[in-house]
Amino acid sequence: MAEFGGRNPSGGLSRARRYRIPMALRYRLMGEILWHDGRVENISRSGVLFRAEHALTPNKAVEMSFVLPVQSSSEPGAEVTCHGHIVRTVLAKTTEGPALAATISDYCFSRRRRDA
């Protein structure tokens, strides 16, 4: 897993450290019932950049859900549900779909059940 961010060359703090962890993500506007599929490009403690099915405008409140990769084969992955706001939309020049940058303002972890 690649990470980037941290201190800038002048020694001051820069953006939060981001991690490239490719994983599926579901998202929806707050108050909507239907989830949409997306794919995480990178994530930090304060935000996520993901590819989406369709563009959303900045300041829209969203709910996102994804399963963290398993670190130990004896434990199931943790599902994370979080709230945030879209801060940037970059329209794709390919068939990937737009990239959405969203804040993460609060989150909840839940352990997924193992299959019997």
C-alpha atoms as a PDB file:
ATOM      1  CA  MET A   1       0.000   0.000   0.000  1.00  0.00           C
ATOM      2  CA  ALA A   2       1.503   3.319  -1.047  1.00  0.00           C
ATOM      3  CA  GLU A   3       1.164   6.377   1.120  1.00  0.00           C
ATOM      4  CA  PHE A   4       1.779  10.032   0.445  1.00  0.00           C
ATOM      5  CA  GLY A   5       1.380  13.302   2.313  1.00  0.00           C
ATOM      6  CA  GLY A   6       2.879  14.269   5.653  1.00  0.00           C
ATOM      7  CA  ARG A   7       5.554  16.971   5.932  1.00  0.00           C
ATOM      8  CA  ASN A   8       6.368  19.238   3.039  1.00  0.00           C
ATOM      9  CA  PRO A   9       9.985  20.094   2.057  1.00  0.00           C
ATOM     10  CA  SER A  10       9.935  23.353   4.057  1.00  0.00           C
ATOM     11  CA  GLY A  11       9.267  21.366   7.251  1.00  0.00           C
ATOM     12  CA  GLY A  12       5.676  22.510   7.814  1.00  0.00           C
ATOM     13  CA  LEU A  13       2.682  20.227   7.946  1.00  0.00           C
ATOM     14  CA  SER A  14       0.895  19.563   4.702  1.00  0.00           C
ATOM     15  CA  ARG A  15      -2.189  17.549   3.838  1.00  0.00           C
ATOM     16  CA  ALA A  16      -3.086  14.452   5.828  1.00  0.00           C
ATOM     17  CA  ARG A  17      -1.202  11.312   4.839  1.00  0.00           C
ATOM     18  CA  ARG A  18      -3.168   9.505   2.158  1.00  0.00           C
ATOM     19  CA  TYR A  19      -3.094   5.797   1.413  1.00  0.00           C
ATOM     20  CA  ARG A  20      -3.706   4.125  -1.935  1.00  0.00           C
ATOM     21  CA  ILE A  21      -5.961   1.257  -0.952  1.00  0.00           C
ATOM     22  CA  PRO A  22      -8.019   0.096  -3.915  1.00  0.00           C
ATOM     23  CA  MET A  23     -11.351  -1.123  -2.600  1.00  0.00           C
ATOM     24  CA  ALA A  24     -15.020  -1.027  -3.465  1.00  0.00           C
ATOM     25  CA  LEU A  25     -17.096   1.788  -1.970  1.00  0.00           C
ATOM     26  CA  ARG A  26     -20.834   2.423  -1.873  1.00  0.00           C
ATOM     27  CA  TYR A  27     -22.148   5.985  -1.646  1.00  0.00           C
ATOM     28  CA  ARG A  28     -25.415   7.873  -1.619  1.00  0.00           C
ATOM     29  CA  LEU A  29     -26.609  11.402  -1.013  1.00  0.00           C
ATOM     30  CA  MET A  30     -27.845  11.895   2.533  1.00  0.00           C
ATOM     31  CA  GLY A  31     -31.535  11.032   2.677  1.00  0.00           C
ATOM     32  CA  GLU A  32     -31.473   8.791  -0.402  1.00  0.00           C
ATOM     33  CA  ILE A  33     -32.318   5.110  -0.193  1.00  0.00           C
ATOM     34  CA  LEU A  34     -30.391   3.711  -3.161  1.00  0.00           C
ATOM     35  CA  TRP A  35     -26.633   3.127  -2.956  1.00  0.00           C
ATOM     36  CA  HIS A  36     -24.279   3.687  -5.910  1.00  0.00           C
ATOM     37  CA  ASP A  37     -21.059   1.798  -6.596  1.00  0.00           C
ATOM     38  CA  GLY A  38     -17.658   3.462  -6.549  1.00  0.00           C
ATOM     39  CA  ARG A  39     -13.982   2.603  -6.161  1.00  0.00           C
ATOM     40  CA  VAL A  40     -11.545   4.202  -3.676  1.00  0.00           C
ATOM     41  CA  GLU A  41      -8.421   5.734  -5.221  1.00  0.00           C
ATOM     42  CA  ASN A  42      -6.925   7.022  -1.970  1.00  0.00           C
ATOM     43  CA  ILE A  43      -8.021   7.668   1.579  1.00  0.00           C
ATOM     44  CA  SER A  44      -6.826   9.615   4.640  1.00  0.00           C
ATOM     45  CA  ARG A  45      -8.166  10.196   8.133  1.00  0.00           C
ATOM     46  CA  SER A  46     -10.081  13.235   6.866  1.00  0.00           C
ATOM     47  CA  GLY A  47     -11.136  12.403   3.320  1.00  0.00           C
ATOM     48  CA  VAL A  48     -11.464  10.000   0.432  1.00  0.00           C
ATOM     49  CA  LEU A  49     -10.965  10.260  -3.322  1.00  0.00           C
ATOM     50  CA  PHE A  50     -13.113   7.804  -5.248  1.00  0.00           C
ATOM     51  CA  ARG A  51     -14.365   7.013  -8.729  1.00  0.00           C
ATOM     52  CA  ALA A  52     -18.136   7.235  -8.998  1.00  0.00           C
ATOM     53  CA  GLU A  53     -20.969   6.246 -11.300  1.00  0.00           C
ATOM     54  CA  HIS A  54     -21.965   9.875 -11.770  1.00  0.00           C
ATOM     55  CA  ALA A  55     -20.807  13.373 -10.837  1.00  0.00           C
ATOM     56  CA  LEU A  56     -22.006  15.136  -7.702  1.00  0.00           C
ATOM     57  CA  THR A  57     -21.699  18.844  -7.084  1.00  0.00           C
ATOM     58  CA  PRO A  58     -19.585  20.243  -4.242  1.00  0.00           C
ATOM     59  CA  ASN A  59     -21.189  20.728  -0.819  1.00  0.00           C
ATOM     60  CA  LYS A  60     -23.549  17.765  -1.273  1.00  0.00           C
ATOM     61  CA  ALA A  61     -23.774  15.681   1.930  1.00  0.00           C
ATOM     62  CA  VAL A  62     -22.964  12.015   1.315  1.00  0.00           C
ATOM     63  CA  GLU A  63     -22.914   8.740   3.177  1.00  0.00           C
ATOM     64  CA  MET A  64     -20.183   6.263   2.216  1.00  0.00           C
ATOM     65  CA  SER A  65     -19.566   2.651   3.139  1.00  0.00           C
ATOM     66  CA  PHE A  66     -16.591   0.361   2.461  1.00  0.00           C
ATOM     67  CA  VAL A  67     -14.905  -2.711   3.910  1.00  0.00           C
ATOM     68  CA  LEU A  68     -11.316  -2.298   5.069  1.00  0.00           C
ATOM     69  CA  PRO A  69      -8.878  -4.900   3.738  1.00  0.00           C
ATOM     70  CA  VAL A  70      -8.333  -7.875   6.042  1.00  0.00           C
ATOM     71  CA  GLN A  71      -5.023  -7.739   7.932  1.00  0.00           C
ATOM     72  CA  SER A  72      -5.325 -11.221   9.426  1.00  0.00           C
ATOM     73  CA  SER A  73      -6.896 -14.221   7.749  1.00  0.00           C
ATOM     74  CA  SER A  74      -8.543 -15.213  11.026  1.00  0.00           C
ATOM     75  CA  GLU A  75     -10.630 -12.031  11.277  1.00  0.00           C
ATOM     76  CA  PRO A  76     -13.226 -10.629   8.877  1.00  0.00           C
ATOM     77  CA  GLY A  77     -12.759  -7.110   7.510  1.00  0.00           C
ATOM     78  CA  ALA A  78     -14.282  -4.138   9.298  1.00  0.00           C
ATOM     79  CA  GLU A  79     -17.060  -2.269   7.528  1.00  0.00           C
ATOM     80  CA  VAL A  80     -16.798   1.510   7.792  1.00  0.00           C
ATOM     81  CA  THR A  81     -19.776   3.805   7.313  1.00  0.00           C
ATOM     82  CA  CYS A  82     -19.007   7.514   7.236  1.00  0.00           C
ATOM     83  CA  HIS A  83     -20.572  10.874   6.464  1.00  0.00           C
ATOM     84  CA  GLY A  84     -19.003  13.741   4.615  1.00  0.00           C
ATOM     85  CA  HIS A  85     -19.382  16.375   1.936  1.00  0.00           C
ATOM     86  CA  ILE A  86     -18.252  16.430  -1.666  1.00  0.00           C
ATOM     87  CA  VAL A  87     -15.488  19.029  -2.001  1.00  0.00           C
ATOM     88  CA  ARG A  88     -14.384  18.442  -5.602  1.00  0.00           C
ATOM     89  CA  THR A  89     -15.570  16.645  -8.740  1.00  0.00           C
ATOM     90  CA  VAL A  90     -13.193  15.918 -11.615  1.00  0.00           C
ATOM     91  CA  LEU A  91     -14.916  14.723 -14.766  1.00  0.00           C
ATOM     92  CA  ALA A  92     -13.182  11.744 -16.376  1.00  0.00           C
ATOM     93  CA  LYS A  93     -11.720  11.861 -19.849  1.00  0.00           C
ATOM     94  CA  THR A  94     -12.058   8.071 -20.025  1.00  0.00           C
ATOM     95  CA  THR A  95     -14.819   5.588 -19.231  1.00  0.00           C
ATOM     96  CA  GLU A  96     -13.758   5.335 -15.543  1.00  0.00           C
ATOM     97  CA  GLY A  97     -16.359   7.778 -14.292  1.00  0.00           C
ATOM     98  CA  PRO A  98     -15.777  11.028 -12.425  1.00  0.00           C
ATOM     99  CA  ALA A  99     -13.433  11.299  -9.442  1.00  0.00           C
ATOM    100  CA  LEU A 100     -15.084  12.684  -6.309  1.00  0.00           C
ATOM    101  CA  ALA A 101     -13.186  14.070  -3.341  1.00  0.00           C
ATOM    102  CA  ALA A 102     -15.173  13.957  -0.109  1.00  0.00           C
ATOM    103  CA  THR A 103     -14.470  14.878   3.477  1.00  0.00           C
ATOM    104  CA  ILE A 104     -14.923  12.327   6.240  1.00  0.00           C
ATOM    105  CA  SER A 105     -16.596  14.074   9.166  1.00  0.00           C
ATOM    106  CA  ASP A 106     -17.644  11.080  11.254  1.00  0.00           C
ATOM    107  CA  TYR A 107     -17.487   7.333  10.917  1.00  0.00           C
ATOM    108  CA  CYS A 108     -18.567   4.073  12.505  1.00  0.00           C
ATOM    109  CA  PHE A 109     -16.788   0.696  12.398  1.00  0.00           C
ATOM    110  CA  SER A 110     -18.641  -2.603  12.491  1.00  0.00           C
ATOM    111  CA  ARG A 111     -17.140  -6.070  12.255  1.00  0.00           C
ATOM    112  CA  ARG A 112     -18.454  -8.167   9.380  1.00  0.00           C
ATOM    113  CA  ARG A 113     -19.713 -11.639  10.184  1.00  0.00           C
ATOM    114  CA  ARG A 114     -17.766 -14.617   8.955  1.00  0.00           C
ATOM    115  CA  ASP A 115     -19.546 -16.964   6.587  1.00  0.00           C
ATOM    116  CA  ALA A 116     -20.561 -20.214   8.278  1.00  0.00           C
END
